[in-house]
Amino acid sequence: MPCDPQELKHVPLFRLLDDDELAVLAGQVEIKKFAPRQRIYKIGEESGQAYIMMSGAVRVTIIDEDHQEVIVDQPAHGEFFGFASMLEQTPHETNATALEESLCVEVDRRDIAVLLERKPLAGMDMLTVLGRQFHASQQLVRLRAARNPNEMIETQATFGERIADEVAKFGGSWMFIISFLVVLVIYAGINIGLRDRAWDHYPFILLNLFLSMLAAIQAPVIMMSQNRQDTKDRLRGELDYDVNRRAESEIQGLAGKLNHLSDKIADVEDLIRQKL
């Protein structure tokens, strides 16, 4: 089924192409129709084609080390799937299945090559789009790396936990010690000065009762705060471990993608130089 050039304008990779360039590309690609539950490609298949989602729904999955099917993508309108395998000319590493009746634009490496042969500057437009997407991915990585685990934990704190933290914070400060000493001195001074009219004679039994009650209440509150601090330390350690593990995986993946992208950019630049 032939492809309408206007349909390709909705594809992010091709949105900077002009009408002539879109017409050339539309003359090369085809629209494929897939029935519900029809498999588009499978892992290990060397079809050499990528697909652009036009309508319907497609699920892209992979089999993990536990032999469980994991969904890695559900492409929206205008999005590619199977693109990396098409460019690298390697077997597909994922499965793609239509969930309902779907229309997809089928693109292979030769279609892109014909476009670059006839319209060399189209390669620069596509590289511009890829560059913008790469910068957006870098910004996303920076934002994820800048997340503060303390802020994440504080947003989940309950009202009681916040009170316990404030009590423990005040109870372990010089402000509390100085204020407490001042109150004790004033209390003892007033009762000593009043002599027979004092409501709490020496050795200040009523004051001892108040202090015992204060200690009985303060100790559990401080323990609650300490338990919360232990939880925060544990969660912070788990977050650090997860971040380090993801960072290692992402760095390895980005390094491989950058090397591959550099090779592809060099190939496109050589082709552009030959055509110019």
Protein backbone atom coordinates (compact mmCIF):
# COMPACT_ATOMS: atom_id res chain seq x y z
CA MET A 1 0.00 0.00 0.00
CA PRO A 2 1.54 3.37 -1.02
CA CYS A 3 2.26 5.97 1.64
CA ASP A 4 0.91 9.52 1.69
CA PRO A 5 3.81 12.01 2.13
CA GLN A 6 1.68 14.02 4.55
CA GLU A 7 1.53 11.05 6.91
CA LEU A 8 5.31 11.14 7.27
CA LYS A 9 5.17 14.68 8.65
CA HIS A 10 3.87 13.22 11.90
CA VAL A 11 7.08 11.19 12.33
CA PRO A 12 9.48 13.10 14.63
CA LEU A 13 12.55 11.96 12.69
CA PHE A 14 11.16 13.35 9.42
CA ARG A 15 9.45 16.53 10.64
CA LEU A 16 12.18 18.84 9.26
CA LEU A 17 12.04 17.35 5.76
CA ASP A 18 10.50 19.49 3.05
CA ASP A 19 7.73 18.34 0.69
CA ASP A 20 10.11 17.13 -2.02
CA GLU A 21 12.13 15.08 0.43
CA LEU A 22 8.96 13.61 1.94
CA ALA A 23 7.72 12.72 -1.54
CA VAL A 24 10.95 10.85 -2.30
CA LEU A 25 10.76 8.93 0.96
CA ALA A 26 7.03 8.20 0.56
CA GLY A 27 7.78 6.70 -2.86
CA GLN A 28 10.14 4.18 -1.25
CA VAL A 29 8.28 3.06 1.86
CA GLU A 30 5.10 1.03 2.12
CA ILE A 31 2.19 0.88 4.54
CA LYS A 32 1.64 -2.55 6.07
CA LYS A 33 -1.58 -3.70 7.69
CA PHE A 34 -1.43 -6.10 10.64
CA ALA A 35 -4.32 -8.06 12.10
CA PRO A 36 -4.94 -8.30 15.86
CA ARG A 37 -2.37 -10.54 17.62
CA GLN A 38 -0.31 -10.79 14.43
CA ARG A 39 3.43 -10.92 15.02
CA ILE A 40 5.29 -8.18 13.16
CA TYR A 41 8.76 -9.57 13.86
CA LYS A 42 10.38 -11.80 16.45
CA ILE A 43 13.69 -12.00 18.30
CA GLY A 44 16.50 -13.20 16.05
CA GLU A 45 14.65 -12.44 12.83
CA GLU A 46 16.80 -10.74 10.18
CA SER A 47 14.06 -8.86 8.37
CA GLY A 48 16.05 -5.64 7.95
CA GLN A 49 12.94 -3.47 8.32
CA ALA A 50 11.83 -0.92 10.88
CA TYR A 51 8.28 0.30 11.36
CA ILE A 52 6.55 3.60 12.07
CA MET A 53 3.31 3.49 14.05
CA MET A 54 0.42 5.09 12.17
CA SER A 55 -2.72 3.67 13.82
CA GLY A 56 -3.73 0.85 16.12
CA ALA A 57 -1.60 -0.52 18.96
CA VAL A 58 1.66 -2.48 18.98
CA ARG A 59 3.51 -4.03 21.91
CA VAL A 60 7.29 -4.48 21.82
CA THR A 61 8.60 -7.06 24.30
CA ILE A 62 11.80 -8.82 25.29
CA ILE A 63 12.56 -11.99 27.24
CA ASP A 64 14.61 -11.30 30.39
CA GLU A 65 17.10 -13.55 32.17
CA ASP A 66 14.22 -15.18 34.11
CA HIS A 67 12.54 -16.09 30.82
CA GLN A 68 9.72 -13.66 31.54
CA GLU A 69 8.19 -11.45 28.85
CA VAL A 70 8.84 -7.78 29.63
CA ILE A 71 7.17 -4.89 27.78
CA VAL A 72 9.84 -2.43 26.63
CA ASP A 73 7.75 -0.14 24.43
CA GLN A 74 4.26 0.61 23.19
CA PRO A 75 4.96 3.05 20.36
CA ALA A 76 2.60 5.97 19.88
CA HIS A 77 1.56 7.52 16.57
CA GLY A 78 4.63 8.50 14.52
CA GLU A 79 7.14 6.57 16.65
CA PHE A 80 9.67 4.02 15.34
CA PHE A 81 10.21 0.49 16.55
CA GLY A 82 12.83 -1.94 15.28
CA PHE A 83 14.90 1.07 14.15
CA ALA A 84 18.25 0.11 15.72
CA SER A 85 18.27 -3.37 14.18
CA MET A 86 17.39 -1.92 10.79
CA LEU A 87 20.28 0.57 10.90
CA GLU A 88 22.78 -1.96 12.24
CA GLN A 89 21.53 -4.71 9.90
CA THR A 90 21.45 -7.09 12.84
CA PRO A 91 18.76 -9.54 14.00
CA HIS A 92 15.93 -8.06 16.02
CA GLU A 93 16.44 -8.18 19.79
CA THR A 94 12.74 -7.75 20.60
CA ASN A 95 9.35 -9.13 19.64
CA ALA A 96 6.69 -6.87 18.12
CA THR A 97 3.04 -7.88 18.08
CA ALA A 98 -0.06 -5.99 16.96
CA LEU A 99 -2.61 -5.79 19.79
CA GLU A 100 -5.35 -4.67 17.43
CA GLU A 101 -5.70 -3.95 13.73
CA SER A 102 -2.76 -1.65 13.04
CA LEU A 103 -1.22 0.29 10.18
CA CYS A 104 2.54 0.79 10.11
CA VAL A 105 4.95 2.33 7.63
CA GLU A 106 7.65 -0.19 6.74
CA VAL A 107 11.10 1.34 6.29
CA ASP A 108 14.35 -0.39 5.44
CA ARG A 109 17.94 0.78 5.14
CA ARG A 110 17.70 1.10 1.36
CA ASP A 111 14.78 3.55 1.65
CA ILE A 112 16.91 5.88 3.75
CA ALA A 113 19.86 5.42 1.38
CA VAL A 114 17.73 6.39 -1.64
CA LEU A 115 16.52 9.50 0.17
CA LEU A 116 20.09 10.53 0.96
CA GLU A 117 21.23 9.84 -2.60
CA ARG A 118 18.52 12.06 -4.09
CA LYS A 119 18.29 14.64 -1.30
CA PRO A 120 21.64 14.72 0.56
CA LEU A 121 20.60 17.64 2.78
CA ALA A 122 17.79 15.50 4.22
CA GLY A 123 20.49 13.71 6.21
CA MET A 124 21.36 16.94 8.01
CA ASP A 125 17.69 17.50 8.88
CA MET A 126 17.42 14.02 10.38
CA LEU A 127 20.69 14.48 12.26
CA THR A 128 19.32 17.74 13.69
CA VAL A 129 16.27 15.91 15.06
CA LEU A 130 18.45 13.15 16.49
CA GLY A 131 20.67 15.76 18.12
CA ARG A 132 17.67 17.43 19.79
CA GLN A 133 16.46 14.07 21.09
CA PHE A 134 19.94 13.30 22.39
CA HIS A 135 20.09 16.61 24.25
CA ALA A 136 16.64 15.96 25.73
CA SER A 137 17.84 12.54 26.93
CA GLN A 138 20.91 14.12 28.51
CA GLN A 139 18.71 16.63 30.34
CA LEU A 140 16.50 13.82 31.61
CA VAL A 141 19.53 11.92 32.92
CA ARG A 142 20.80 15.07 34.68
CA LEU A 143 17.41 15.64 36.32
CA ARG A 144 17.22 12.05 37.51
CA ALA A 145 20.75 12.19 38.90
CA ALA A 146 19.95 15.45 40.74
CA ARG A 147 17.06 13.98 42.75
CA ASN A 148 17.54 14.47 46.48
CA PRO A 149 16.62 11.32 48.48
CA ASN A 150 16.06 13.44 51.61
CA GLU A 151 13.35 15.43 49.83
CA MET A 152 11.76 12.24 48.53
CA ILE A 153 11.64 10.80 52.07
CA GLU A 154 10.32 14.01 53.62
CA THR A 155 7.41 14.16 51.19
CA GLN A 156 6.24 10.76 52.48
CA ALA A 157 6.55 11.63 56.20
CA THR A 158 3.37 11.53 58.33
CA PHE A 159 2.27 14.27 60.72
CA GLY A 160 3.34 12.24 63.77
CA GLU A 161 6.78 11.57 62.30
CA ARG A 162 7.31 15.26 61.65
CA ILE A 163 6.37 16.07 65.26
CA ALA A 164 8.78 13.41 66.54
CA ASP A 165 11.58 14.88 64.42
CA GLU A 166 10.93 18.40 65.73
CA VAL A 167 10.81 17.21 69.36
CA ALA A 168 14.07 15.29 68.97
CA LYS A 169 15.65 18.24 67.20
CA PHE A 170 14.68 20.67 69.95
CA GLY A 171 15.46 18.22 72.77
CA GLY A 172 19.01 17.77 71.53
CA SER A 173 19.82 21.46 71.19
CA TRP A 174 21.49 24.02 73.44
CA MET A 175 18.31 26.05 73.32
CA PHE A 176 16.48 23.26 75.18
CA ILE A 177 19.28 22.83 77.74
CA ILE A 178 19.52 26.55 78.50
CA SER A 179 15.73 27.01 78.61
CA PHE A 180 15.36 23.98 80.87
CA LEU A 181 18.03 25.21 83.29
CA VAL A 182 16.43 28.66 83.41
CA VAL A 183 13.02 27.15 84.21
CA LEU A 184 14.51 24.94 86.93
CA VAL A 185 16.35 27.84 88.55
CA ILE A 186 13.25 30.06 88.47
CA TYR A 187 11.05 27.28 89.81
CA ALA A 188 13.43 26.41 92.65
CA GLY A 189 14.08 30.09 93.43
CA ILE A 190 10.38 30.92 93.72
CA ASN A 191 9.65 27.97 96.01
CA ILE A 192 12.66 28.70 98.20
CA GLY A 193 11.73 32.38 98.39
CA LEU A 194 8.13 31.68 99.38
CA ARG A 195 9.24 29.40 102.24
CA ASP A 196 6.11 28.30 104.11
CA ARG A 197 3.80 29.49 101.34
CA ALA A 198 5.63 27.47 98.66
CA TRP A 199 3.54 24.91 96.78
CA ASP A 200 6.55 22.59 96.31
CA HIS A 201 8.93 22.51 99.24
CA TYR A 202 12.49 21.20 99.04
CA PRO A 203 13.39 18.59 97.72
CA PHE A 204 10.78 19.62 95.13
CA ILE A 205 8.76 16.40 94.91
CA LEU A 206 6.23 17.93 92.49
CA LEU A 207 9.06 19.07 90.21
CA ASN A 208 10.54 15.56 90.26
CA LEU A 209 7.14 14.19 89.24
CA PHE A 210 6.95 16.59 86.30
CA LEU A 211 10.51 15.74 85.24
CA SER A 212 9.77 12.00 85.40
CA MET A 213 6.64 12.48 83.29
CA LEU A 214 8.60 14.59 80.80
CA ALA A 215 11.33 11.95 80.54
CA ALA A 216 8.75 9.19 80.14
CA ILE A 217 7.13 11.02 77.22
CA GLN A 218 10.30 12.40 75.65
CA ALA A 219 12.18 9.10 75.50
CA PRO A 220 9.66 7.26 73.25
CA VAL A 221 9.33 10.32 71.01
CA ILE A 222 13.11 10.47 70.58
CA MET A 223 13.16 6.72 69.90
CA MET A 224 10.50 7.25 67.21
CA SER A 225 12.69 9.89 65.62
CA GLN A 226 15.74 7.61 65.80
CA ASN A 227 13.78 4.77 64.19
CA ARG A 228 12.72 7.16 61.46
CA GLN A 229 16.32 8.24 60.99
CA ASP A 230 17.36 4.58 60.69
CA THR A 231 14.67 4.13 58.06
CA LYS A 232 15.89 7.21 56.21
CA ASP A 233 19.47 5.89 56.26
CA ARG A 234 18.34 2.52 54.98
CA LEU A 235 16.22 4.05 52.20
CA ARG A 236 19.05 6.42 51.30
CA GLY A 237 21.41 3.45 51.05
CA GLU A 238 18.94 1.57 48.84
CA LEU A 239 18.47 4.64 46.64
CA ASP A 240 22.23 5.09 46.33
CA TYR A 241 22.59 1.43 45.36
CA ASP A 242 19.80 1.68 42.77
CA VAL A 243 21.24 4.91 41.36
CA ASN A 244 24.73 3.43 41.12
CA ARG A 245 23.41 0.30 39.46
CA ARG A 246 21.32 2.26 36.96
CA ALA A 247 24.16 4.67 36.34
CA GLU A 248 26.53 1.85 35.50
CA SER A 249 24.00 0.28 33.15
CA GLU A 250 23.11 3.61 31.52
CA ILE A 251 26.75 4.61 31.11
CA GLN A 252 27.52 1.33 29.38
CA GLY A 253 24.45 1.69 27.18
CA LEU A 254 25.18 5.33 26.36
CA ALA A 255 28.79 4.52 25.55
CA GLY A 256 27.69 1.86 23.10
CA LYS A 257 25.05 4.13 21.57
CA LEU A 258 27.48 7.03 21.27
CA ASN A 259 30.02 4.84 19.51
CA HIS A 260 27.35 3.54 17.18
CA LEU A 261 25.93 7.03 16.60
CA SER A 262 29.39 8.38 15.81
CA ASP A 263 29.88 5.68 13.20
CA LYS A 264 26.50 6.41 11.62
CA ILE A 265 27.11 10.17 11.60
CA ALA A 266 30.47 9.60 9.94
CA ASP A 267 28.80 7.39 7.29
CA VAL A 268 26.14 10.04 6.62
CA GLU A 269 28.75 12.82 6.43
CA ASP A 270 30.80 10.81 3.94
CA LEU A 271 27.70 10.19 1.83
CA ILE A 272 26.76 13.89 1.95
CA ARG A 273 30.27 14.91 0.89
CA GLN A 274 30.14 12.50 -2.04
CA LYS A 275 26.79 13.88 -3.22
CA LEU A 276 27.78 17.53 -2.77
